C-alpha atoms as a PDB file:
ATOM      1  CA  MET A   1      55.192  21.232  74.383  1.00  0.00           C
ATOM      2  CA  VAL A   2      52.682  20.630  71.581  1.00  0.00           C
ATOM      3  CA  LEU A   3      53.553  23.965  69.991  1.00  0.00           C
ATOM      4  CA  SER A   4      57.270  23.081  70.079  1.00  0.00           C
ATOM      5  CA  ILE A   5      56.624  19.713  68.418  1.00  0.00           C
ATOM      6  CA  CYS A   6      54.520  21.333  65.696  1.00  0.00           C
ATOM      7  CA  ARG A   7      57.217  23.955  65.115  1.00  0.00           C
ATOM      8  CA  ALA A   8      59.997  21.363  64.841  1.00  0.00           C
ATOM      9  CA  ALA A   9      57.955  19.092  62.578  1.00  0.00           C
ATOM     10  CA  GLY A  10      56.876  22.056  60.464  1.00  0.00           C
ATOM     11  CA  LEU A  11      60.456  23.225  59.982  1.00  0.00           C
ATOM     12  CA  ALA A  12      61.507  19.681  59.070  1.00  0.00           C
ATOM     13  CA  ALA A  13      58.719  19.437  56.479  1.00  0.00           C
ATOM     14  CA  PHE A  14      59.669  22.875  55.131  1.00  0.00           C
ATOM     15  CA  ALA A  15      63.301  21.775  54.768  1.00  0.00           C
ATOM     16  CA  VAL A  16      62.373  18.533  52.982  1.00  0.00           C
ATOM     17  CA  ALA A  17      60.114  20.322  50.488  1.00  0.00           C
ATOM     18  CA  GLY A  18      62.640  23.107  49.927  1.00  0.00           C
ATOM     19  CA  LEU A  19      65.507  20.728  49.256  1.00  0.00           C
ATOM     20  CA  ALA A  20      63.374  18.609  46.924  1.00  0.00           C
ATOM     21  CA  LEU A  21      62.309  21.688  44.962  1.00  0.00           C
ATOM     22  CA  THR A  22      65.916  22.861  44.735  1.00  0.00           C
ATOM     23  CA  ALA A  23      67.010  19.443  43.434  1.00  0.00           C
ATOM     24  CA  ARG A  24      64.771  19.930  40.378  1.00  0.00           C
ATOM     25  CA  TYR A  25      66.771  22.939  39.220  1.00  0.00           C
ATOM     26  CA  VAL A  26      70.415  22.265  40.063  1.00  0.00           C
ATOM     27  CA  ARG A  27      72.970  20.247  38.158  1.00  0.00           C
ATOM     28  CA  ILE A  28      72.890  16.626  39.307  1.00  0.00           C
ATOM     29  CA  THR A  29      76.394  15.799  40.493  1.00  0.00           C
ATOM     30  CA  ASN A  30      75.814  13.034  43.041  1.00  0.00           C
ATOM     31  CA  HIS A  31      73.334  10.384  44.069  1.00  0.00           C
ATOM     32  CA  VAL A  32      71.818  12.460  46.871  1.00  0.00           C
ATOM     33  CA  VAL A  33      70.677  15.178  44.450  1.00  0.00           C
ATOM     34  CA  LEU A  34      69.631  12.518  41.945  1.00  0.00           C
ATOM     35  CA  ILE A  35      67.367  10.737  44.426  1.00  0.00           C
ATOM     36  CA  ALA A  36      65.954  14.027  45.726  1.00  0.00           C
ATOM     37  CA  ALA A  37      65.083  15.125  42.169  1.00  0.00           C
ATOM     38  CA  ALA A  38      63.578  11.763  41.234  1.00  0.00           C
ATOM     39  CA  LEU A  39      61.416  11.694  44.357  1.00  0.00           C
ATOM     40  CA  SER A  40      60.620  15.408  44.347  1.00  0.00           C
ATOM     41  CA  PRO A  41      56.960  14.970  43.244  1.00  0.00           C
ATOM     42  CA  PHE A  42      56.414  13.121  46.511  1.00  0.00           C
ATOM     43  CA  LEU A  43      58.816  15.059  48.746  1.00  0.00           C
ATOM     44  CA  VAL A  44      57.394  18.469  47.822  1.00  0.00           C
ATOM     45  CA  LEU A  45      54.072  17.383  49.331  1.00  0.00           C
ATOM     46  CA  ALA A  46      55.743  18.230  52.625  1.00  0.00           C
ATOM     47  CA  ALA A  47      55.260  21.932  51.764  1.00  0.00           C
ATOM     48  CA  PRO A  48      51.509  22.144  52.527  1.00  0.00           C
ATOM     49  CA  VAL A  49      52.123  19.926  55.566  1.00  0.00           C
ATOM     50  CA  SER A  50      54.593  22.513  56.825  1.00  0.00           C
ATOM     51  CA  VAL A  51      51.933  25.239  56.409  1.00  0.00           C
ATOM     52  CA  VAL A  52      49.521  23.359  58.668  1.00  0.00           C
ATOM     53  CA  LEU A  53      52.144  22.523  61.286  1.00  0.00           C
ATOM     54  CA  LEU A  54      53.662  25.993  61.451  1.00  0.00           C
ATOM     55  CA  ALA A  55      50.231  27.589  61.621  1.00  0.00           C
ATOM     56  CA  ALA A  56      49.355  25.200  64.456  1.00  0.00           C
ATOM     57  CA  ALA A  57      52.567  26.315  66.195  1.00  0.00           C
ATOM     58  CA  ARG A  58      51.509  29.948  65.703  1.00  0.00           C
ATOM     59  CA  ARG A  59      54.736  30.800  63.877  1.00  0.00           C
ATOM     60  CA  TRP A  60      53.115  33.233  61.488  1.00  0.00           C
ATOM     61  CA  ILE A  61      56.171  34.488  59.612  1.00  0.00           C
ATOM     62  CA  LEU A  62      57.288  30.899  59.016  1.00  0.00           C
ATOM     63  CA  THR A  63      53.746  30.034  57.960  1.00  0.00           C
ATOM     64  CA  VAL A  64      53.829  32.757  55.312  1.00  0.00           C
ATOM     65  CA  ALA A  65      57.183  31.406  54.093  1.00  0.00           C
ATOM     66  CA  ALA A  66      55.690  27.903  53.918  1.00  0.00           C
ATOM     67  CA  LEU A  67      52.729  29.248  51.943  1.00  0.00           C
ATOM     68  CA  ALA A  68      55.134  30.868  49.494  1.00  0.00           C
ATOM     69  CA  LEU A  69      57.021  27.589  49.152  1.00  0.00           C
ATOM     70  CA  THR A  70      53.772  25.729  48.559  1.00  0.00           C
ATOM     71  CA  GLY A  71      52.834  28.182  45.825  1.00  0.00           C
ATOM     72  CA  THR A  72      56.236  27.747  44.189  1.00  0.00           C
ATOM     73  CA  VAL A  73      55.879  23.969  44.341  1.00  0.00           C
ATOM     74  CA  PHE A  74      52.452  24.180  42.721  1.00  0.00           C
ATOM     75  CA  ALA A  75      53.771  26.466  39.983  1.00  0.00           C
ATOM     76  CA  SER A  76      56.629  24.052  39.217  1.00  0.00           C
ATOM     77  CA  GLN A  77      54.472  20.925  39.078  1.00  0.00           C
ATOM     78  CA  ALA A  78      51.134  22.096  37.684  1.00  0.00           C
ATOM     79  CA  PRO A  79      52.251  22.563  34.034  1.00  0.00           C
ATOM     80  CA  MET A  80      53.213  18.888  33.892  1.00  0.00           C
ATOM     81  CA  TYR A  81      49.604  17.930  34.571  1.00  0.00           C
ATOM     82  CA  VAL A  82      47.977  20.275  32.083  1.00  0.00           C
ATOM     83  CA  ALA A  83      47.919  19.215  28.446  1.00  0.00           C
ATOM     84  CA  SER A  84      50.043  21.550  26.348  1.00  0.00           C
ATOM     85  CA  ALA A  85      49.468  19.949  22.962  1.00  0.00           C
ATOM     86  CA  GLY A  86      47.077  21.772  20.684  1.00  0.00           C
ATOM     87  CA  GLY A  87      44.483  20.073  18.545  1.00  0.00           C
ATOM     88  CA  PRO A  88      45.896  17.180  16.553  1.00  0.00           C
ATOM     89  CA  GLY A  89      44.919  18.645  13.198  1.00  0.00           C
ATOM     90  CA  ALA A  90      45.144  16.674   9.990  1.00  0.00           C
ATOM     91  CA  GLY A  91      47.567  13.795   9.760  1.00  0.00           C
ATOM     92  CA  VAL A  92      48.165  10.087  10.181  1.00  0.00           C
ATOM     93  CA  SER A  93      47.870   8.441  13.601  1.00  0.00           C
ATOM     94  CA  VAL A  94      50.691   6.052  14.507  1.00  0.00           C
ATOM     95  CA  ARG A  95      50.749   4.000  17.708  1.00  0.00           C
ATOM     96  CA  VAL A  96      54.192   3.695  19.282  1.00  0.00           C
ATOM     97  CA  MET A  97      55.321   1.637  22.258  1.00  0.00           C
ATOM     98  CA  THR A  98      58.568   1.443  24.210  1.00  0.00           C
ATOM     99  CA  LEU A  99      59.397  -1.399  26.591  1.00  0.00           C
ATOM    100  CA  ASN A 100      62.450  -2.391  28.618  1.00  0.00           C
ATOM    101  CA  LEU A 101      62.555  -6.203  28.435  1.00  0.00           C
ATOM    102  CA  ALA A 102      64.421  -6.606  31.780  1.00  0.00           C
ATOM    103  CA  LEU A 103      67.470  -8.477  30.470  1.00  0.00           C
ATOM    104  CA  GLY A 104      65.245 -10.134  27.881  1.00  0.00           C
ATOM    105  CA  ARG A 105      63.074 -11.767  30.548  1.00  0.00           C
ATOM    106  CA  ALA A 106      59.736 -10.174  29.611  1.00  0.00           C
ATOM    107  CA  LEU A 107      57.226 -12.902  28.751  1.00  0.00           C
ATOM    108  CA  PRO A 108      57.344 -13.178  24.929  1.00  0.00           C
ATOM    109  CA  THR A 109      53.659 -14.005  24.486  1.00  0.00           C
ATOM    110  CA  SER A 110      52.732 -10.957  26.592  1.00  0.00           C
ATOM    111  CA  VAL A 111      55.050  -8.703  24.580  1.00  0.00           C
ATOM    112  CA  VAL A 112      53.508  -9.935  21.328  1.00  0.00           C
ATOM    113  CA  GLU A 113      49.996  -9.556  22.695  1.00  0.00           C
ATOM    114  CA  ALA A 114      50.669  -6.001  23.881  1.00  0.00           C
ATOM    115  CA  ALA A 115      52.360  -5.046  20.612  1.00  0.00           C
ATOM    116  CA  GLY A 116      49.576  -6.534  18.521  1.00  0.00           C
ATOM    117  CA  GLU A 117      46.915  -4.663  20.464  1.00  0.00           C
ATOM    118  CA  HIS A 118      48.634  -1.325  21.091  1.00  0.00           C
ATOM    119  CA  ALA A 119      51.519  -0.709  18.665  1.00  0.00           C
ATOM    120  CA  ASP A 120      52.380  -0.013  15.074  1.00  0.00           C
ATOM    121  CA  ILE A 121      55.987   0.627  16.122  1.00  0.00           C
ATOM    122  CA  LEU A 122      57.666  -1.160  19.045  1.00  0.00           C
ATOM    123  CA  ALA A 123      60.984  -0.048  20.547  1.00  0.00           C
ATOM    124  CA  VAL A 124      62.649  -2.374  23.051  1.00  0.00           C
ATOM    125  CA  GLN A 125      65.643  -2.102  25.349  1.00  0.00           C
ATOM    126  CA  GLU A 126      67.686  -4.857  27.053  1.00  0.00           C
ATOM    127  CA  LEU A 127      67.202  -7.039  23.982  1.00  0.00           C
ATOM    128  CA  THR A 128      69.309 -10.208  24.153  1.00  0.00           C
ATOM    129  CA  PRO A 129      69.955 -12.689  21.287  1.00  0.00           C
ATOM    130  CA  ARG A 130      67.870 -15.263  23.161  1.00  0.00           C
ATOM    131  CA  ALA A 131      65.029 -12.751  23.537  1.00  0.00           C
ATOM    132  CA  VAL A 132      65.015 -12.200  19.745  1.00  0.00           C
ATOM    133  CA  GLU A 133      64.547 -15.939  19.210  1.00  0.00           C
ATOM    134  CA  ARG A 134      61.765 -16.156  21.805  1.00  0.00           C
ATOM    135  CA  LEU A 135      59.927 -13.091  20.499  1.00  0.00           C
ATOM    136  CA  SER A 136      60.105 -14.326  16.920  1.00  0.00           C
ATOM    137  CA  ALA A 137      58.842 -17.760  17.970  1.00  0.00           C
ATOM    138  CA  ALA A 138      55.958 -16.093  19.824  1.00  0.00           C
ATOM    139  CA  GLY A 139      54.862 -14.305  16.632  1.00  0.00           C
ATOM    140  CA  LEU A 140      56.250 -10.768  16.919  1.00  0.00           C
ATOM    141  CA  ASP A 141      57.672 -10.849  13.384  1.00  0.00           C
ATOM    142  CA  ALA A 142      54.234 -11.753  12.073  1.00  0.00           C
ATOM    143  CA  ALA A 143      52.538  -8.926  14.005  1.00  0.00           C
ATOM    144  CA  LEU A 144      55.197  -6.333  13.111  1.00  0.00           C
ATOM    145  CA  PRO A 145      56.996  -7.657  10.014  1.00  0.00           C
ATOM    146  CA  TYR A 146      59.727  -5.012   9.629  1.00  0.00           C
ATOM    147  CA  ARG A 147      62.573  -4.791  12.096  1.00  0.00           C
ATOM    148  CA  THR A 148      66.047  -3.480  12.821  1.00  0.00           C
ATOM    149  CA  LEU A 149      67.829  -5.044  15.785  1.00  0.00           C
ATOM    150  CA  ASP A 150      71.061  -4.782  17.756  1.00  0.00           C
ATOM    151  CA  PRO A 151      70.741  -7.599  20.318  1.00  0.00           C
ATOM    152  CA  ARG A 152      73.478  -7.938  22.920  1.00  0.00           C
ATOM    153  CA  GLU A 153      73.990  -9.827  26.120  1.00  0.00           C
ATOM    154  CA  HIS A 154      72.819  -8.517  29.475  1.00  0.00           C
ATOM    155  CA  ALA A 155      71.256  -5.022  29.403  1.00  0.00           C
ATOM    156  CA  SER A 156      72.813  -3.527  26.273  1.00  0.00           C
ATOM    157  CA  GLY A 157      70.736  -4.568  23.269  1.00  0.00           C
ATOM    158  CA  VAL A 158      67.994  -2.552  21.579  1.00  0.00           C
ATOM    159  CA  GLY A 159      65.543  -3.241  18.788  1.00  0.00           C
ATOM    160  CA  LEU A 160      62.768  -1.791  16.664  1.00  0.00           C
ATOM    161  CA  TRP A 161      59.819  -3.663  15.154  1.00  0.00           C
ATOM    162  CA  SER A 162      57.379  -1.921  12.819  1.00  0.00           C
ATOM    163  CA  ARG A 163      54.136  -2.488  10.953  1.00  0.00           C
ATOM    164  CA  TYR A 164      55.487  -0.055   8.361  1.00  0.00           C
ATOM    165  CA  PRO A 165      58.485  -0.535   6.050  1.00  0.00           C
ATOM    166  CA  ILE A 166      61.876   0.659   7.326  1.00  0.00           C
ATOM    167  CA  PRO A 167      63.770   1.882   4.241  1.00  0.00           C
ATOM    168  CA  HIS A 168      66.828   3.190   6.079  1.00  0.00           C
ATOM    169  CA  THR A 169      68.508   2.561   9.438  1.00  0.00           C
ATOM    170  CA  TRP A 170      71.727   3.644  11.112  1.00  0.00           C
ATOM    171  CA  PRO A 171      73.506   3.171  14.436  1.00  0.00           C
ATOM    172  CA  ILE A 172      73.943   6.119  16.787  1.00  0.00           C
ATOM    173  CA  ASN A 173      77.289   5.816  18.510  1.00  0.00           C
ATOM    174  CA  GLY A 174      78.921   7.462  21.488  1.00  0.00           C
ATOM    175  CA  TYR A 175      76.842   5.908  24.241  1.00  0.00           C
ATOM    176  CA  GLY A 176      77.422   3.017  26.602  1.00  0.00           C
ATOM    177  CA  MET A 177      74.534   1.125  25.032  1.00  0.00           C
ATOM    178  CA  PRO A 178      73.590   1.196  21.347  1.00  0.00           C
ATOM    179  CA  PHE A 179      70.968   3.543  19.940  1.00  0.00           C
ATOM    180  CA  ILE A 180      69.121   2.918  16.664  1.00  0.00           C
ATOM    181  CA  GLY A 181      67.895   5.488  14.164  1.00  0.00           C
ATOM    182  CA  ALA A 182      65.410   4.544  11.450  1.00  0.00           C
ATOM    183  CA  GLN A 183      63.239   6.079   8.769  1.00  0.00           C
ATOM    184  CA  ILE A 184      59.710   4.707   8.816  1.00  0.00           C
ATOM    185  CA  GLN A 185      57.650   4.721   5.627  1.00  0.00           C
ATOM    186  CA  VAL A 186      54.151   5.684   6.771  1.00  0.00           C
ATOM    187  CA  SER A 187      51.467   5.766   4.096  1.00  0.00           C
ATOM    188  CA  GLY A 188      49.945   9.226   3.758  1.00  0.00           C
ATOM    189  CA  VAL A 189      52.933  11.080   5.233  1.00  0.00           C
ATOM    190  CA  ALA A 190      54.948  13.150   2.758  1.00  0.00           C
ATOM    191  CA  ILE A 191      58.260  12.987   4.637  1.00  0.00           C
ATOM    192  CA  ASN A 192      59.269   9.702   6.265  1.00  0.00           C
ATOM    193  CA  PRO A 193      59.380  10.229  10.048  1.00  0.00           C
ATOM    194  CA  ILE A 194      62.523   9.288  11.946  1.00  0.00           C
ATOM    195  CA  VAL A 195      62.277   6.995  14.955  1.00  0.00           C
ATOM    196  CA  VAL A 196      65.144   6.797  17.456  1.00  0.00           C
ATOM    197  CA  VAL A 197      65.463   4.059  20.091  1.00  0.00           C
ATOM    198  CA  VAL A 198      67.510   5.102  23.133  1.00  0.00           C
ATOM    199  CA  HIS A 199      68.713   3.532  26.364  1.00  0.00           C
ATOM    200  CA  LEU A 200      70.753   5.786  28.627  1.00  0.00           C
ATOM    201  CA  SER A 201      73.109   4.392  31.233  1.00  0.00           C
ATOM    202  CA  ALA A 202      71.598   3.992  34.671  1.00  0.00           C
ATOM    203  CA  PRO A 203      72.747   6.550  37.260  1.00  0.00           C
ATOM    204  CA  TRP A 204      72.202   4.155  40.148  1.00  0.00           C
ATOM    205  CA  PRO A 205      73.661   2.066  41.740  1.00  0.00           C
ATOM    206  CA  GLN A 206      76.732   2.416  39.518  1.00  0.00           C
ATOM    207  CA  PRO A 207      78.784   5.638  39.446  1.00  0.00           C
ATOM    208  CA  ILE A 208      76.783   8.598  38.182  1.00  0.00           C
ATOM    209  CA  SER A 209      79.462   9.841  35.767  1.00  0.00           C
ATOM    210  CA  ASP A 210      78.413   7.660  32.806  1.00  0.00           C
ATOM    211  CA  TRP A 211      74.811   8.844  33.079  1.00  0.00           C
ATOM    212  CA  ARG A 212      75.894  12.476  33.385  1.00  0.00           C
ATOM    213  CA  ASN A 213      78.074  12.224  30.280  1.00  0.00           C
ATOM    214  CA  GLU A 214      75.240  10.703  28.279  1.00  0.00           C
ATOM    215  CA  VAL A 215      72.511  13.151  29.316  1.00  0.00           C
ATOM    216  CA  ASP A 216      74.946  15.940  28.438  1.00  0.00           C
ATOM    217  CA  ARG A 217      75.568  14.351  25.022  1.00  0.00           C
ATOM    218  CA  LEU A 218      71.965  13.519  24.123  1.00  0.00           C
ATOM    219  CA  PRO A 219      70.836  17.099  23.256  1.00  0.00           C
ATOM    220  CA  LYS A 220      73.473  17.212  20.501  1.00  0.00           C
ATOM    221  CA  THR A 221      72.260  13.858  19.169  1.00  0.00           C
ATOM    222  CA  LEU A 222      68.680  15.117  19.156  1.00  0.00           C
ATOM    223  CA  GLN A 223      69.730  18.314  17.391  1.00  0.00           C
ATOM    224  CA  GLU A 224      71.600  16.336  14.700  1.00  0.00           C
ATOM    225  CA  THR A 225      68.558  14.097  14.243  1.00  0.00           C
ATOM    226  CA  ALA A 226      66.289  17.134  13.906  1.00  0.00           C
ATOM    227  CA  GLU A 227      68.604  18.573  11.265  1.00  0.00           C
ATOM    228  CA  SER A 228      68.514  15.265   9.375  1.00  0.00           C
ATOM    229  CA  ALA A 229      64.726  15.192   9.555  1.00  0.00           C
ATOM    230  CA  ALA A 230      64.471  18.792   8.263  1.00  0.00           C
ATOM    231  CA  ASN A 231      60.707  19.398   8.061  1.00  0.00           C
ATOM    232  CA  GLY A 232      59.854  15.826   8.975  1.00  0.00           C
ATOM    233  CA  SER A 233      58.737  14.391  12.291  1.00  0.00           C
ATOM    234  CA  VAL A 234      60.947  12.672  14.860  1.00  0.00           C
ATOM    235  CA  ILE A 235      59.826  10.254  17.565  1.00  0.00           C
ATOM    236  CA  VAL A 236      62.347   9.285  20.245  1.00  0.00           C
ATOM    237  CA  LEU A 237      61.459   6.311  22.430  1.00  0.00           C
ATOM    238  CA  GLY A 238      63.226   4.498  25.207  1.00  0.00           C
ATOM    239  CA  ASP A 239      64.478   4.088  28.722  1.00  0.00           C
ATOM    240  CA  PHE A 240      66.058   7.404  29.688  1.00  0.00           C
ATOM    241  CA  ASN A 241      66.734   6.317  33.293  1.00  0.00           C
ATOM    242  CA  SER A 242      65.616   9.851  34.167  1.00  0.00           C
ATOM    243  CA  THR A 243      62.437  11.690  35.074  1.00  0.00           C
ATOM    244  CA  LEU A 244      61.152  15.091  34.002  1.00  0.00           C
ATOM    245  CA  ASP A 245      61.936  16.291  37.513  1.00  0.00           C
ATOM    246  CA  MET A 246      65.641  16.023  36.637  1.00  0.00           C
ATOM    247  CA  ARG A 247      66.929  19.209  35.067  1.00  0.00           C
ATOM    248  CA  PRO A 248      69.057  17.546  32.323  1.00  0.00           C
ATOM    249  CA  ILE A 249      65.992  15.896  30.789  1.00  0.00           C
ATOM    250  CA  ARG A 250      64.029  19.131  30.705  1.00  0.00           C
ATOM    251  CA  ASP A 251      67.054  20.907  29.238  1.00  0.00           C
ATOM    252  CA  MET A 252      67.047  18.636  26.187  1.00  0.00           C
ATOM    253  CA  LEU A 253      63.488  19.606  25.251  1.00  0.00           C
ATOM    254  CA  ARG A 254      64.455  22.099  22.592  1.00  0.00           C
ATOM    255  CA  HIS A 255      64.840  22.042  18.793  1.00  0.00           C
ATOM    256  CA  ASP A 256      61.039  21.470  18.670  1.00  0.00           C
ATOM    257  CA  TYR A 257      61.187  18.372  20.895  1.00  0.00           C
ATOM    258  CA  GLU A 258      58.516  17.862  23.530  1.00  0.00           C
ATOM    259  CA  ASP A 259      57.806  15.107  26.021  1.00  0.00           C
ATOM    260  CA  ALA A 260      54.622  13.284  25.039  1.00  0.00           C
ATOM    261  CA  ALA A 261      53.534  12.783  28.655  1.00  0.00           C
ATOM    262  CA  GLU A 262      53.881  16.485  29.387  1.00  0.00           C
ATOM    263  CA  GLN A 263      52.104  17.386  26.150  1.00  0.00           C
ATOM    264  CA  ALA A 264      49.249  15.092  27.143  1.00  0.00           C
ATOM    265  CA  GLY A 265      49.210  16.428  30.719  1.00  0.00           C
ATOM    266  CA  VAL A 266      49.852  12.990  32.242  1.00  0.00           C
ATOM    267  CA  ALA A 267      53.315  13.425  33.757  1.00  0.00           C
ATOM    268  CA  THR A 268      52.349  10.922  36.454  1.00  0.00           C
ATOM    269  CA  THR A 269      52.588   8.087  33.912  1.00  0.00           C
ATOM    270  CA  ALA A 270      55.125   6.094  35.929  1.00  0.00           C
ATOM    271  CA  THR A 271      56.695   2.978  34.415  1.00  0.00           C
ATOM    272  CA  PHE A 272      59.239   1.768  36.990  1.00  0.00           C
ATOM    273  CA  PRO A 273      59.532  -0.412  39.030  1.00  0.00           C
ATOM    274  CA  ALA A 274      56.743  -2.617  37.707  1.00  0.00           C
ATOM    275  CA  ASN A 275      57.514  -5.930  39.376  1.00  0.00           C
ATOM    276  CA  ALA A 276      56.866  -4.889  42.980  1.00  0.00           C
ATOM    277  CA  TRP A 277      53.683  -5.030  45.036  1.00  0.00           C
ATOM    278  CA  LEU A 278      53.494  -1.249  44.901  1.00  0.00           C
ATOM    279  CA  PRO A 279      52.482   0.560  41.697  1.00  0.00           C
ATOM    280  CA  PRO A 280      55.330   2.099  39.658  1.00  0.00           C
ATOM    281  CA  LEU A 281      56.693   5.315  41.144  1.00  0.00           C
ATOM    282  CA  LEU A 282      59.066   6.758  38.537  1.00  0.00           C
ATOM    283  CA  ALA A 283      58.439   7.905  34.964  1.00  0.00           C
ATOM    284  CA  ILE A 284      61.842   7.006  33.510  1.00  0.00           C
ATOM    285  CA  ASP A 285      60.627   5.760  30.124  1.00  0.00           C
ATOM    286  CA  HIS A 286      59.800   8.545  27.693  1.00  0.00           C
ATOM    287  CA  ILE A 287      58.459   9.312  24.255  1.00  0.00           C
ATOM    288  CA  LEU A 288      59.729  12.570  22.777  1.00  0.00           C
ATOM    289  CA  THR A 289      58.056  14.067  19.747  1.00  0.00           C
ATOM    290  CA  ARG A 290      59.113  16.658  17.197  1.00  0.00           C
ATOM    291  CA  ARG A 291      56.656  18.157  14.714  1.00  0.00           C
ATOM    292  CA  SER A 292      53.999  15.655  15.736  1.00  0.00           C
ATOM    293  CA  THR A 293      51.286  15.551  18.382  1.00  0.00           C
ATOM    294  CA  PRO A 294      50.387  12.852  20.928  1.00  0.00           C
ATOM    295  CA  THR A 295      46.647  12.273  21.181  1.00  0.00           C
ATOM    296  CA  SER A 296      46.843   9.647  23.947  1.00  0.00           C
ATOM    297  CA  LEU A 297      49.430   8.186  26.312  1.00  0.00           C
ATOM    298  CA  TYR A 298      49.194   5.324  28.815  1.00  0.00           C
ATOM    299  CA  THR A 299      51.082   2.342  30.219  1.00  0.00           C
ATOM    300  CA  VAL A 300      50.616  -1.405  29.776  1.00  0.00           C
ATOM    301  CA  ALA A 301      51.774  -4.078  32.217  1.00  0.00           C
ATOM    302  CA  VAL A 302      53.971  -6.781  30.661  1.00  0.00           C
ATOM    303  CA  PRO A 303      54.714  -9.802  32.906  1.00  0.00           C
ATOM    304  CA  GLY A 304      58.407 -10.546  33.374  1.00  0.00           C
ATOM    305  CA  SER A 305      59.544  -6.949  32.896  1.00  0.00           C
ATOM    306  CA  ASP A 306      60.381  -4.519  35.686  1.00  0.00           C
ATOM    307  CA  HIS A 307      59.050  -1.700  33.473  1.00  0.00           C
ATOM    308  CA  ARG A 308      55.591  -1.046  32.167  1.00  0.00           C
ATOM    309  CA  ALA A 309      55.354  -0.439  28.451  1.00  0.00           C
ATOM    310  CA  LEU A 310      54.716   3.197  27.559  1.00  0.00           C
ATOM    311  CA  VAL A 311      52.281   3.669  24.671  1.00  0.00           C
ATOM    312  CA  ALA A 312      51.314   6.774  22.744  1.00  0.00           C
ATOM    313  CA  THR A 313      49.245   7.544  19.686  1.00  0.00           C
ATOM    314  CA  ILE A 314      51.109  10.161  17.665  1.00  0.00           C
ATOM    315  CA  LYS A 315      49.473  12.271  14.957  1.00  0.00           C
ATOM    316  CA  ILE A 316      52.041  12.880  12.203  1.00  0.00           C
ATOM    317  CA  PRO A 317      51.106  15.787   9.897  1.00  0.00           C
END
């Protein structure tokens, strides 16, 4: 009886881990695959459990299969926890922060405090007109005097505040929510880096089609931005509503773009949800870099927001 229970539980654990691993590599066409991919870092932990259970059940062939699955899981996850960035080399260090304001409800004094302590450049999503007024009143314009904003009601607005001058900005169209592109004039850098603020449509609970269309479109936007930057650096910040365990996000890491968390070997830097009693589970906010190197990456809690701010120090050559 005990052997039968171990066998059944072991097979169930094997199936869970196998399906979660598969979800990382297939095209995401529905919410079931989406959820399996997003939760795959946790679900694949069932693989070593299946090894123990199947070995306890004395199912040796199945145990070998479970060991192979566990090895495959380790091979797929391990690179995300090993820093891939080389030495920072010579350059100028710039601190960047991205924060979803949760419909503009993030506590303004906390946003200003976090920005003043951690950021030279602040990208925000879900920026409402009222939030602009409250942030300005709390002193954000004094801390970061240059800005380009597109505030809108509800979840649509975005904005960029900077300690450095912003000589040129432009809208990036074609998405459900606005994106902002901007040149930042950083002293000591020969070519002005480009900063892009993004906010992709959420794939849940609304229909997944809008999200799919946008993650399919974003690689072209990143390529066009890279071409505009030529030999200069690009930093892309925002709420991608996606994790690195989702294939479309990994697919866009080309044209010299890299994910700062993966470069720093801290892919467990989860930012959402941040207003629950549990710690955040999902890393859906990202900082992508091109021709620049992150030297640190961490999160900061901001009361009133359901996201943690994601902060990185970027060395721009």
